[in-house]
Amino acid sequence: MANRFPNQTCVFCTRPSVGVGEHVWPHWFIGDFHGQGPFTTSRAGVPYTKRDKVTPLTTNSLQGVHVPACEQCNAVLDTTIEKPAKPLVRRLMDHRDSSDELLLTADECATLARWILKVGILAAHPAADHDHPGLQRDPEVSGLDFVRSEWLDWLRAGSPPPDGFSVFITRRSLRGEAAEPDVKQKIVLPRVAVEGEDLDFMSRSFGFSGVNATIVWHPGWPISHAQVDSGRALRLWPHPTEADFGALPIVHPKELAFWDGSIGVRMFSSDEYASGTEVPLSVGSDHFSAFFGGEIPPTPNTDQ
């Protein structure tokens, strides 16, 4: 098999990449949609088009995305991430729009969170290579500028993710999204450095059949998630607990979003950070008021 990433090293270690690297969306996932095409890929609701810039570009199968990976790391991810998650992801997709009970144990929530983190981080990795030509050549496709080592080290080690990550899921419509909600809520992620180190808060959201997923990196600063509190979303990580996916309502993906929108880095000592983060990140909170005191005013609901 030809090397898709010649002269590149594995994103998880220092060994050379081999073959097509790591399938971010695994073979089994793409194969489950065999024969259901043609598929159209869009960005911000606008389909990618053929060279005439009019005709939508369709594909007969779902298109994947790959990152450079060596044989050893690829095998570890298959054993520790893909094989345990495969039946769980299929259960969620097979549930479709049913309101029947679908209980997930705490261990199953943790397994699902690991798979969602793997997909979310690698799909946005700077080295990601998309099968879909429109995505690959689109300079405005959002990705990560860099990846911190702790975002990937746990994958190679086969260990639990860091507690600095949170993973949330909601149910999404299988019939096309309804009108956008009149009120859109946001949780603003700050840009802070503690003892000179930028903590690199970030979020990524993506969807698959019947599910919206969001991963957030927010080390040391808890999140109070309005949809989780109201039973409209599940928090899979950290501190996974038994949950009923079937009890969740359909939620528009723009009802609540994380906004990596703070401009400029604020510098804090470890003690200042520990004190300020006693106030969780939440909808409408002014996180810097937690540090500087005073009343915490609401953040206006504005479109991203």
C-alpha atoms as a PDB file:
ATOM      1  CA  MET A   1       0.000   0.000   0.000  1.00  0.00           C
ATOM      2  CA  ALA A   2       1.393   3.398  -0.993  1.00  0.00           C
ATOM      3  CA  ASN A   3       2.358   5.771   1.788  1.00  0.00           C
ATOM      4  CA  ARG A   4      -0.164   8.594   1.895  1.00  0.00           C
ATOM      5  CA  PHE A   5       2.185  10.650   4.069  1.00  0.00           C
ATOM      6  CA  PRO A   6       5.691  10.160   2.632  1.00  0.00           C
ATOM      7  CA  ASN A   7       8.495  11.598   4.743  1.00  0.00           C
ATOM      8  CA  GLN A   8       6.093  12.403   7.603  1.00  0.00           C
ATOM      9  CA  THR A   9       6.245  11.026  11.120  1.00  0.00           C
ATOM     10  CA  CYS A  10       3.410   9.556  13.131  1.00  0.00           C
ATOM     11  CA  VAL A  11       1.416  12.245  14.993  1.00  0.00           C
ATOM     12  CA  PHE A  12       1.570  10.101  18.150  1.00  0.00           C
ATOM     13  CA  CYS A  13       5.280   9.231  18.215  1.00  0.00           C
ATOM     14  CA  THR A  14       8.524   9.741  16.265  1.00  0.00           C
ATOM     15  CA  ARG A  15       8.252   6.691  13.994  1.00  0.00           C
ATOM     16  CA  PRO A  16       7.598   7.126  10.236  1.00  0.00           C
ATOM     17  CA  SER A  17       4.000   7.089   9.052  1.00  0.00           C
ATOM     18  CA  VAL A  18       2.982   4.047   7.002  1.00  0.00           C
ATOM     19  CA  GLY A  19       0.191   3.363   4.523  1.00  0.00           C
ATOM     20  CA  VAL A  20      -2.801   5.667   4.743  1.00  0.00           C
ATOM     21  CA  GLY A  21      -2.126   6.503   8.389  1.00  0.00           C
ATOM     22  CA  GLU A  22      -4.934   6.590  10.928  1.00  0.00           C
ATOM     23  CA  HIS A  23      -8.534   6.645   9.685  1.00  0.00           C
ATOM     24  CA  VAL A  24     -10.158   9.380  11.772  1.00  0.00           C
ATOM     25  CA  TRP A  25     -13.594   8.099  10.777  1.00  0.00           C
ATOM     26  CA  PRO A  26     -12.955   4.331  10.910  1.00  0.00           C
ATOM     27  CA  HIS A  27     -13.622   1.819   8.130  1.00  0.00           C
ATOM     28  CA  TRP A  28     -16.521   0.265  10.000  1.00  0.00           C
ATOM     29  CA  PHE A  29     -18.225   3.656  10.455  1.00  0.00           C
ATOM     30  CA  ILE A  30     -17.927   4.632   6.779  1.00  0.00           C
ATOM     31  CA  GLY A  31     -18.944   1.116   5.744  1.00  0.00           C
ATOM     32  CA  ASP A  32     -22.183   1.352   7.728  1.00  0.00           C
ATOM     33  CA  PHE A  33     -23.366   3.998   5.228  1.00  0.00           C
ATOM     34  CA  HIS A  34     -22.525   1.895   2.150  1.00  0.00           C
ATOM     35  CA  GLY A  35     -25.232   2.194  -0.507  1.00  0.00           C
ATOM     36  CA  GLN A  36     -26.931   5.171   1.129  1.00  0.00           C
ATOM     37  CA  GLY A  37     -25.385   7.783  -1.198  1.00  0.00           C
ATOM     38  CA  PRO A  38     -25.037   9.986  -3.020  1.00  0.00           C
ATOM     39  CA  PHE A  39     -23.678  12.248  -0.286  1.00  0.00           C
ATOM     40  CA  THR A  40     -23.306  16.017  -0.412  1.00  0.00           C
ATOM     41  CA  THR A  41     -20.868  17.830   1.860  1.00  0.00           C
ATOM     42  CA  SER A  42     -21.556  21.401   2.959  1.00  0.00           C
ATOM     43  CA  ARG A  43     -19.894  24.132   4.975  1.00  0.00           C
ATOM     44  CA  ALA A  44     -22.165  26.575   6.794  1.00  0.00           C
ATOM     45  CA  GLY A  45     -25.080  25.068   4.875  1.00  0.00           C
ATOM     46  CA  VAL A  46     -23.540  25.719   1.435  1.00  0.00           C
ATOM     47  CA  PRO A  47     -22.661  22.562  -0.561  1.00  0.00           C
ATOM     48  CA  TYR A  48     -19.263  22.186  -2.180  1.00  0.00           C
ATOM     49  CA  THR A  49     -19.605  22.359  -5.959  1.00  0.00           C
ATOM     50  CA  LYS A  50     -17.962  20.997  -9.071  1.00  0.00           C
ATOM     51  CA  ARG A  51     -15.657  23.135 -11.202  1.00  0.00           C
ATOM     52  CA  ASP A  52     -18.669  24.988 -12.643  1.00  0.00           C
ATOM     53  CA  LYS A  53     -19.235  26.367  -9.111  1.00  0.00           C
ATOM     54  CA  VAL A  54     -22.941  25.584  -9.470  1.00  0.00           C
ATOM     55  CA  THR A  55     -23.480  21.818  -9.481  1.00  0.00           C
ATOM     56  CA  PRO A  56     -23.219  20.255  -5.992  1.00  0.00           C
ATOM     57  CA  LEU A  57     -20.275  17.880  -5.664  1.00  0.00           C
ATOM     58  CA  THR A  58     -21.636  14.485  -4.638  1.00  0.00           C
ATOM     59  CA  THR A  59     -19.883  11.257  -3.692  1.00  0.00           C
ATOM     60  CA  ASN A  60     -21.187   7.693  -3.689  1.00  0.00           C
ATOM     61  CA  SER A  61     -19.694   6.936  -0.271  1.00  0.00           C
ATOM     62  CA  LEU A  62     -18.846   8.858   2.859  1.00  0.00           C
ATOM     63  CA  GLN A  63     -15.456  10.494   2.602  1.00  0.00           C
ATOM     64  CA  GLY A  64     -12.842  10.002   5.284  1.00  0.00           C
ATOM     65  CA  VAL A  65      -9.967  11.933   6.764  1.00  0.00           C
ATOM     66  CA  HIS A  66      -6.534  10.621   7.752  1.00  0.00           C
ATOM     67  CA  VAL A  67      -3.564  11.660   9.877  1.00  0.00           C
ATOM     68  CA  PRO A  68      -0.008  10.297   9.668  1.00  0.00           C
ATOM     69  CA  ALA A  69       0.395   7.241  11.911  1.00  0.00           C
ATOM     70  CA  CYS A  70       2.780   4.328  12.301  1.00  0.00           C
ATOM     71  CA  GLU A  71       1.667   0.696  12.387  1.00  0.00           C
ATOM     72  CA  GLN A  72       2.168   0.363  16.156  1.00  0.00           C
ATOM     73  CA  CYS A  73       0.130   3.424  17.133  1.00  0.00           C
ATOM     74  CA  ASN A  74      -2.568   2.540  14.618  1.00  0.00           C
ATOM     75  CA  ALA A  75      -2.896  -0.872  16.260  1.00  0.00           C
ATOM     76  CA  VAL A  76      -3.109   0.643  19.758  1.00  0.00           C
ATOM     77  CA  LEU A  77      -5.941   2.969  18.729  1.00  0.00           C
ATOM     78  CA  ASP A  78      -7.803   0.103  17.096  1.00  0.00           C
ATOM     79  CA  THR A  79      -7.565  -2.013  20.254  1.00  0.00           C
ATOM     80  CA  THR A  80      -8.191   0.651  22.895  1.00  0.00           C
ATOM     81  CA  ILE A  81     -10.518   3.104  21.108  1.00  0.00           C
ATOM     82  CA  GLU A  82     -12.220   1.670  18.017  1.00  0.00           C
ATOM     83  CA  LYS A  83     -13.141  -1.875  19.047  1.00  0.00           C
ATOM     84  CA  PRO A  84     -14.678  -0.890  22.423  1.00  0.00           C
ATOM     85  CA  ALA A  85     -16.618   2.055  20.915  1.00  0.00           C
ATOM     86  CA  LYS A  86     -17.914   0.332  17.785  1.00  0.00           C
ATOM     87  CA  PRO A  87     -21.014  -1.340  19.328  1.00  0.00           C
ATOM     88  CA  LEU A  88     -21.832   1.786  21.354  1.00  0.00           C
ATOM     89  CA  VAL A  89     -21.713   4.154  18.386  1.00  0.00           C
ATOM     90  CA  ARG A  90     -23.863   1.748  16.397  1.00  0.00           C
ATOM     91  CA  ARG A  91     -26.403   1.555  19.232  1.00  0.00           C
ATOM     92  CA  LEU A  92     -26.721   5.341  19.239  1.00  0.00           C
ATOM     93  CA  MET A  93     -27.085   5.540  15.457  1.00  0.00           C
ATOM     94  CA  ASP A  94     -29.578   2.640  15.350  1.00  0.00           C
ATOM     95  CA  HIS A  95     -31.706   4.368  17.998  1.00  0.00           C
ATOM     96  CA  ARG A  96     -32.487   7.056  15.436  1.00  0.00           C
ATOM     97  CA  ASP A  97     -35.377   9.291  16.623  1.00  0.00           C
ATOM     98  CA  SER A  98     -36.879   6.777  19.056  1.00  0.00           C
ATOM     99  CA  SER A  99     -37.782   7.979  22.541  1.00  0.00           C
ATOM    100  CA  ASP A 100     -37.323   4.466  23.936  1.00  0.00           C
ATOM    101  CA  GLU A 101     -34.872   3.994  26.776  1.00  0.00           C
ATOM    102  CA  LEU A 102     -31.228   3.603  25.795  1.00  0.00           C
ATOM    103  CA  LEU A 103     -29.203   3.266  28.968  1.00  0.00           C
ATOM    104  CA  LEU A 104     -25.458   3.807  28.925  1.00  0.00           C
ATOM    105  CA  THR A 105     -23.386   2.653  31.878  1.00  0.00           C
ATOM    106  CA  ALA A 106     -20.689   4.904  33.314  1.00  0.00           C
ATOM    107  CA  ASP A 107     -18.032   2.742  31.636  1.00  0.00           C
ATOM    108  CA  GLU A 108     -19.854   2.980  28.296  1.00  0.00           C
ATOM    109  CA  CYS A 109     -20.041   6.772  28.590  1.00  0.00           C
ATOM    110  CA  ALA A 110     -16.285   6.862  29.195  1.00  0.00           C
ATOM    111  CA  THR A 111     -15.665   4.584  26.183  1.00  0.00           C
ATOM    112  CA  LEU A 112     -17.844   6.765  23.966  1.00  0.00           C
ATOM    113  CA  ALA A 113     -16.091   9.909  25.230  1.00  0.00           C
ATOM    114  CA  ARG A 114     -12.685   8.477  24.303  1.00  0.00           C
ATOM    115  CA  TRP A 115     -13.872   7.771  20.733  1.00  0.00           C
ATOM    116  CA  ILE A 116     -15.423  11.236  20.358  1.00  0.00           C
ATOM    117  CA  LEU A 117     -12.212  12.862  21.601  1.00  0.00           C
ATOM    118  CA  LYS A 118     -10.152  10.824  19.145  1.00  0.00           C
ATOM    119  CA  VAL A 119     -12.347  11.850  16.199  1.00  0.00           C
ATOM    120  CA  GLY A 120     -12.663  15.497  17.252  1.00  0.00           C
ATOM    121  CA  ILE A 121      -8.966  16.081  17.848  1.00  0.00           C
ATOM    122  CA  LEU A 122      -7.638  14.193  14.836  1.00  0.00           C
ATOM    123  CA  ALA A 123     -10.191  15.581  12.364  1.00  0.00           C
ATOM    124  CA  ALA A 124      -8.948  19.083  13.237  1.00  0.00           C
ATOM    125  CA  HIS A 125      -5.253  18.139  13.442  1.00  0.00           C
ATOM    126  CA  PRO A 126      -2.945  20.360  11.350  1.00  0.00           C
ATOM    127  CA  ALA A 127      -1.719  17.231   9.516  1.00  0.00           C
ATOM    128  CA  ALA A 128      -5.240  15.962   8.668  1.00  0.00           C
ATOM    129  CA  ASP A 129      -5.736  14.992   5.018  1.00  0.00           C
ATOM    130  CA  HIS A 130      -9.327  14.827   3.727  1.00  0.00           C
ATOM    131  CA  ASP A 131     -10.580  12.431   1.064  1.00  0.00           C
ATOM    132  CA  HIS A 132     -13.192  14.983   0.018  1.00  0.00           C
ATOM    133  CA  PRO A 133     -11.527  17.378  -2.457  1.00  0.00           C
ATOM    134  CA  GLY A 134     -13.699  20.308  -1.440  1.00  0.00           C
ATOM    135  CA  LEU A 135     -12.731  20.021   2.208  1.00  0.00           C
ATOM    136  CA  GLN A 136      -9.068  19.463   1.448  1.00  0.00           C
ATOM    137  CA  ARG A 137      -8.674  22.524  -0.761  1.00  0.00           C
ATOM    138  CA  ASP A 138     -10.913  24.861   1.258  1.00  0.00           C
ATOM    139  CA  PRO A 139      -8.608  27.310   3.075  1.00  0.00           C
ATOM    140  CA  GLU A 140     -11.439  28.300   5.415  1.00  0.00           C
ATOM    141  CA  VAL A 141     -12.063  24.823   6.833  1.00  0.00           C
ATOM    142  CA  SER A 142     -11.511  25.304  10.524  1.00  0.00           C
ATOM    143  CA  GLY A 143      -8.729  23.293  12.105  1.00  0.00           C
ATOM    144  CA  LEU A 144      -6.343  23.470  15.005  1.00  0.00           C
ATOM    145  CA  ASP A 145      -3.193  25.528  14.574  1.00  0.00           C
ATOM    146  CA  PHE A 146      -1.321  23.118  16.835  1.00  0.00           C
ATOM    147  CA  VAL A 147      -1.948  20.146  19.120  1.00  0.00           C
ATOM    148  CA  ARG A 148      -0.661  19.950  22.688  1.00  0.00           C
ATOM    149  CA  SER A 149       1.146  16.733  23.572  1.00  0.00           C
ATOM    150  CA  GLU A 150      -1.331  15.857  26.349  1.00  0.00           C
ATOM    151  CA  TRP A 151      -4.174  15.887  23.821  1.00  0.00           C
ATOM    152  CA  LEU A 152      -2.625  12.834  22.114  1.00  0.00           C
ATOM    153  CA  ASP A 153      -0.342  11.134  24.649  1.00  0.00           C
ATOM    154  CA  TRP A 154      -3.222   9.334  26.374  1.00  0.00           C
ATOM    155  CA  LEU A 155      -4.327   7.845  23.042  1.00  0.00           C
ATOM    156  CA  ARG A 156      -0.958   6.224  22.416  1.00  0.00           C
ATOM    157  CA  ALA A 157      -0.724   5.038  26.034  1.00  0.00           C
ATOM    158  CA  GLY A 158      -4.222   3.524  26.042  1.00  0.00           C
ATOM    159  CA  SER A 159      -5.019   5.453  29.236  1.00  0.00           C
ATOM    160  CA  PRO A 160      -8.029   7.611  30.228  1.00  0.00           C
ATOM    161  CA  PRO A 161      -8.191  11.161  28.805  1.00  0.00           C
ATOM    162  CA  PRO A 162      -7.012  14.059  30.978  1.00  0.00           C
ATOM    163  CA  ASP A 163      -9.645  15.618  33.234  1.00  0.00           C
ATOM    164  CA  GLY A 164      -8.931  18.891  31.417  1.00  0.00           C
ATOM    165  CA  PHE A 165     -11.243  17.620  28.667  1.00  0.00           C
ATOM    166  CA  SER A 166     -15.036  17.641  28.771  1.00  0.00           C
ATOM    167  CA  VAL A 167     -17.216  15.764  26.285  1.00  0.00           C
ATOM    168  CA  PHE A 168     -20.888  16.607  25.739  1.00  0.00           C
ATOM    169  CA  ILE A 169     -23.479  15.066  23.412  1.00  0.00           C
ATOM    170  CA  THR A 170     -26.989  16.032  22.351  1.00  0.00           C
ATOM    171  CA  ARG A 171     -29.440  14.375  19.981  1.00  0.00           C
ATOM    172  CA  ARG A 172     -29.774  15.858  16.517  1.00  0.00           C
ATOM    173  CA  SER A 173     -32.555  15.665  13.957  1.00  0.00           C
ATOM    174  CA  LEU A 174     -32.384  12.998  11.262  1.00  0.00           C
ATOM    175  CA  ARG A 175     -34.806  14.912   9.044  1.00  0.00           C
ATOM    176  CA  GLY A 176     -32.781  18.070   8.559  1.00  0.00           C
ATOM    177  CA  GLU A 177     -32.414  20.855  11.065  1.00  0.00           C
ATOM    178  CA  ALA A 178     -35.433  22.948  11.986  1.00  0.00           C
ATOM    179  CA  ALA A 179     -35.262  26.732  12.079  1.00  0.00           C
ATOM    180  CA  GLU A 180     -32.444  28.101  14.197  1.00  0.00           C
ATOM    181  CA  PRO A 181     -33.476  28.978  17.765  1.00  0.00           C
ATOM    182  CA  ASP A 182     -34.362  32.604  18.451  1.00  0.00           C
ATOM    183  CA  VAL A 183     -32.086  32.615  21.497  1.00  0.00           C
ATOM    184  CA  LYS A 184     -28.583  31.225  21.094  1.00  0.00           C
ATOM    185  CA  GLN A 185     -26.551  30.654  24.207  1.00  0.00           C
ATOM    186  CA  LYS A 186     -22.773  30.800  24.422  1.00  0.00           C
ATOM    187  CA  ILE A 187     -20.137  29.761  26.888  1.00  0.00           C
ATOM    188  CA  VAL A 188     -17.082  31.915  26.276  1.00  0.00           C
ATOM    189  CA  LEU A 189     -13.702  30.230  26.694  1.00  0.00           C
ATOM    190  CA  PRO A 190     -11.000  32.555  28.023  1.00  0.00           C
ATOM    191  CA  ARG A 191      -7.410  32.926  26.912  1.00  0.00           C
ATOM    192  CA  VAL A 192      -5.324  32.761  30.042  1.00  0.00           C
ATOM    193  CA  ALA A 193      -1.732  31.976  30.914  1.00  0.00           C
ATOM    194  CA  VAL A 194      -0.779  30.648  34.333  1.00  0.00           C
ATOM    195  CA  GLU A 195       2.805  31.193  35.462  1.00  0.00           C
ATOM    196  CA  GLY A 196       3.614  32.141  31.870  1.00  0.00           C
ATOM    197  CA  GLU A 197       2.050  29.065  30.224  1.00  0.00           C
ATOM    198  CA  ASP A 198      -0.885  29.570  27.850  1.00  0.00           C
ATOM    199  CA  LEU A 199      -3.515  26.975  28.747  1.00  0.00           C
ATOM    200  CA  ASP A 200      -4.836  26.891  25.156  1.00  0.00           C
ATOM    201  CA  PHE A 201      -8.534  26.533  25.935  1.00  0.00           C
ATOM    202  CA  MET A 202     -10.347  25.212  22.860  1.00  0.00           C
ATOM    203  CA  SER A 203     -13.560  23.538  21.705  1.00  0.00           C
ATOM    204  CA  ARG A 204     -14.553  21.462  18.695  1.00  0.00           C
ATOM    205  CA  SER A 205     -18.042  20.353  17.629  1.00  0.00           C
ATOM    206  CA  PHE A 206     -19.119  17.826  15.012  1.00  0.00           C
ATOM    207  CA  GLY A 207     -22.060  15.592  14.243  1.00  0.00           C
ATOM    208  CA  PHE A 208     -22.851  12.108  13.056  1.00  0.00           C
ATOM    209  CA  SER A 209     -26.113  10.264  12.519  1.00  0.00           C
ATOM    210  CA  GLY A 210     -28.481  11.421  15.270  1.00  0.00           C
ATOM    211  CA  VAL A 211     -25.749  12.839  17.507  1.00  0.00           C
ATOM    212  CA  ASN A 212     -24.034  16.199  18.054  1.00  0.00           C
ATOM    213  CA  ALA A 213     -20.760  16.051  19.975  1.00  0.00           C
ATOM    214  CA  THR A 214     -18.651  18.792  21.558  1.00  0.00           C
ATOM    215  CA  ILE A 215     -15.209  18.447  23.105  1.00  0.00           C
ATOM    216  CA  VAL A 216     -13.727  21.202  25.270  1.00  0.00           C
ATOM    217  CA  TRP A 217     -10.223  21.636  26.687  1.00  0.00           C
ATOM    218  CA  HIS A 218     -10.458  23.759  29.857  1.00  0.00           C
ATOM    219  CA  PRO A 219      -7.846  22.563  32.378  1.00  0.00           C
ATOM    220  CA  GLY A 220      -8.601  23.554  35.937  1.00  0.00           C
ATOM    221  CA  TRP A 221     -11.733  25.611  35.192  1.00  0.00           C
ATOM    222  CA  PRO A 222     -15.061  23.762  35.646  1.00  0.00           C
ATOM    223  CA  ILE A 223     -17.990  24.187  33.272  1.00  0.00           C
ATOM    224  CA  SER A 224     -21.612  24.614  34.292  1.00  0.00           C
ATOM    225  CA  HIS A 225     -23.478  23.427  31.181  1.00  0.00           C
ATOM    226  CA  ALA A 226     -27.052  24.710  30.931  1.00  0.00           C
ATOM    227  CA  GLN A 227     -28.233  21.877  28.672  1.00  0.00           C
ATOM    228  CA  VAL A 228     -26.820  19.203  30.971  1.00  0.00           C
ATOM    229  CA  ASP A 229     -28.500  20.856  33.957  1.00  0.00           C
ATOM    230  CA  SER A 230     -31.868  20.888  32.130  1.00  0.00           C
ATOM    231  CA  GLY A 231     -31.653  17.316  30.815  1.00  0.00           C
ATOM    232  CA  ARG A 232     -31.061  18.361  27.204  1.00  0.00           C
ATOM    233  CA  ALA A 233     -27.487  17.070  26.945  1.00  0.00           C
ATOM    234  CA  LEU A 234     -25.208  14.439  28.465  1.00  0.00           C
ATOM    235  CA  ARG A 235     -21.746  15.027  29.898  1.00  0.00           C
ATOM    236  CA  LEU A 236     -19.760  11.895  29.039  1.00  0.00           C
ATOM    237  CA  TRP A 237     -16.450  13.053  30.490  1.00  0.00           C
ATOM    238  CA  PRO A 238     -15.089  13.697  33.075  1.00  0.00           C
ATOM    239  CA  HIS A 239     -16.811  11.820  35.897  1.00  0.00           C
ATOM    240  CA  PRO A 240     -19.019   9.624  33.664  1.00  0.00           C
ATOM    241  CA  THR A 241     -22.241   8.298  35.185  1.00  0.00           C
ATOM    242  CA  GLU A 242     -25.072   6.073  33.973  1.00  0.00           C
ATOM    243  CA  ALA A 243     -27.297   7.994  31.547  1.00  0.00           C
ATOM    244  CA  ASP A 244     -30.338   7.476  29.323  1.00  0.00           C
ATOM    245  CA  PHE A 245     -29.580   8.693  25.803  1.00  0.00           C
ATOM    246  CA  GLY A 246     -33.151   7.900  24.757  1.00  0.00           C
ATOM    247  CA  ALA A 247     -34.535  10.447  27.233  1.00  0.00           C
ATOM    248  CA  LEU A 248     -32.781  13.349  25.533  1.00  0.00           C
ATOM    249  CA  PRO A 249     -34.866  15.666  23.312  1.00  0.00           C
ATOM    250  CA  ILE A 250     -33.824  16.748  19.816  1.00  0.00           C
ATOM    251  CA  VAL A 251     -31.651  19.867  20.188  1.00  0.00           C
ATOM    252  CA  HIS A 252     -30.557  22.269  17.468  1.00  0.00           C
ATOM    253  CA  PRO A 253     -26.724  22.417  17.366  1.00  0.00           C
ATOM    254  CA  LYS A 254     -26.785  26.225  17.584  1.00  0.00           C
ATOM    255  CA  GLU A 255     -28.900  26.337  20.729  1.00  0.00           C
ATOM    256  CA  LEU A 256     -25.741  26.390  22.876  1.00  0.00           C
ATOM    257  CA  ALA A 257     -22.189  26.743  21.619  1.00  0.00           C
ATOM    258  CA  PHE A 258     -18.732  27.299  23.023  1.00  0.00           C
ATOM    259  CA  TRP A 259     -16.964  30.373  21.742  1.00  0.00           C
ATOM    260  CA  ASP A 260     -13.175  30.427  21.626  1.00  0.00           C
ATOM    261  CA  GLY A 261     -13.509  34.172  21.288  1.00  0.00           C
ATOM    262  CA  SER A 262     -11.474  35.935  23.940  1.00  0.00           C
ATOM    263  CA  ILE A 263      -8.908  38.311  22.453  1.00  0.00           C
ATOM    264  CA  GLY A 264      -5.548  38.642  24.137  1.00  0.00           C
ATOM    265  CA  VAL A 265      -4.004  36.462  26.829  1.00  0.00           C
ATOM    266  CA  ARG A 266      -4.476  37.382  30.495  1.00  0.00           C
ATOM    267  CA  MET A 267      -1.598  36.429  32.816  1.00  0.00           C
ATOM    268  CA  PHE A 268      -2.230  34.920  36.250  1.00  0.00           C
ATOM    269  CA  SER A 269      -0.333  33.270  39.046  1.00  0.00           C
ATOM    270  CA  SER A 270      -1.320  29.777  40.177  1.00  0.00           C
ATOM    271  CA  ASP A 271      -3.018  31.181  43.278  1.00  0.00           C
ATOM    272  CA  GLU A 272      -4.973  33.763  41.276  1.00  0.00           C
ATOM    273  CA  TYR A 273      -6.108  31.098  38.834  1.00  0.00           C
ATOM    274  CA  ALA A 274      -7.200  28.698  41.579  1.00  0.00           C
ATOM    275  CA  SER A 275      -9.220  31.465  43.231  1.00  0.00           C
ATOM    276  CA  GLY A 276     -10.857  32.794  40.054  1.00  0.00           C
ATOM    277  CA  THR A 277     -11.862  29.395  38.722  1.00  0.00           C
ATOM    278  CA  GLU A 278     -14.100  28.760  41.693  1.00  0.00           C
ATOM    279  CA  VAL A 279     -16.751  30.417  39.498  1.00  0.00           C
ATOM    280  CA  PRO A 280     -17.527  27.910  36.684  1.00  0.00           C
ATOM    281  CA  LEU A 281     -17.599  28.852  33.023  1.00  0.00           C
ATOM    282  CA  SER A 282     -21.270  29.136  32.104  1.00  0.00           C
ATOM    283  CA  VAL A 283     -23.788  30.789  29.810  1.00  0.00           C
ATOM    284  CA  GLY A 284     -23.760  34.545  30.307  1.00  0.00           C
ATOM    285  CA  SER A 285     -20.863  34.622  32.768  1.00  0.00           C
ATOM    286  CA  ASP A 286     -18.131  37.228  32.598  1.00  0.00           C
ATOM    287  CA  HIS A 287     -15.166  35.035  33.509  1.00  0.00           C
ATOM    288  CA  PHE A 288     -12.776  37.910  34.209  1.00  0.00           C
ATOM    289  CA  SER A 289     -15.119  39.257  36.871  1.00  0.00           C
ATOM    290  CA  ALA A 290     -14.274  36.068  38.733  1.00  0.00           C
ATOM    291  CA  PHE A 291     -10.689  37.327  38.939  1.00  0.00           C
ATOM    292  CA  PHE A 292     -11.169  41.049  39.320  1.00  0.00           C
ATOM    293  CA  GLY A 293     -14.301  41.085  41.493  1.00  0.00           C
ATOM    294  CA  GLY A 294     -17.570  42.933  41.034  1.00  0.00           C
ATOM    295  CA  GLU A 295     -20.928  41.830  39.726  1.00  0.00           C
ATOM    296  CA  ILE A 296     -20.922  39.265  36.904  1.00  0.00           C
ATOM    297  CA  PRO A 297     -23.029  40.775  34.088  1.00  0.00           C
ATOM    298  CA  PRO A 298     -24.706  38.622  31.422  1.00  0.00           C
ATOM    299  CA  THR A 299     -23.039  38.169  28.058  1.00  0.00           C
ATOM    300  CA  PRO A 300     -25.360  39.224  25.179  1.00  0.00           C
ATOM    301  CA  ASN A 301     -26.650  36.436  22.940  1.00  0.00           C
ATOM    302  CA  THR A 302     -25.110  37.178  19.557  1.00  0.00           C
ATOM    303  CA  ASP A 303     -24.515  35.062  16.486  1.00  0.00           C
ATOM    304  CA  GLN A 304     -21.054  33.573  16.034  1.00  0.00           C
END
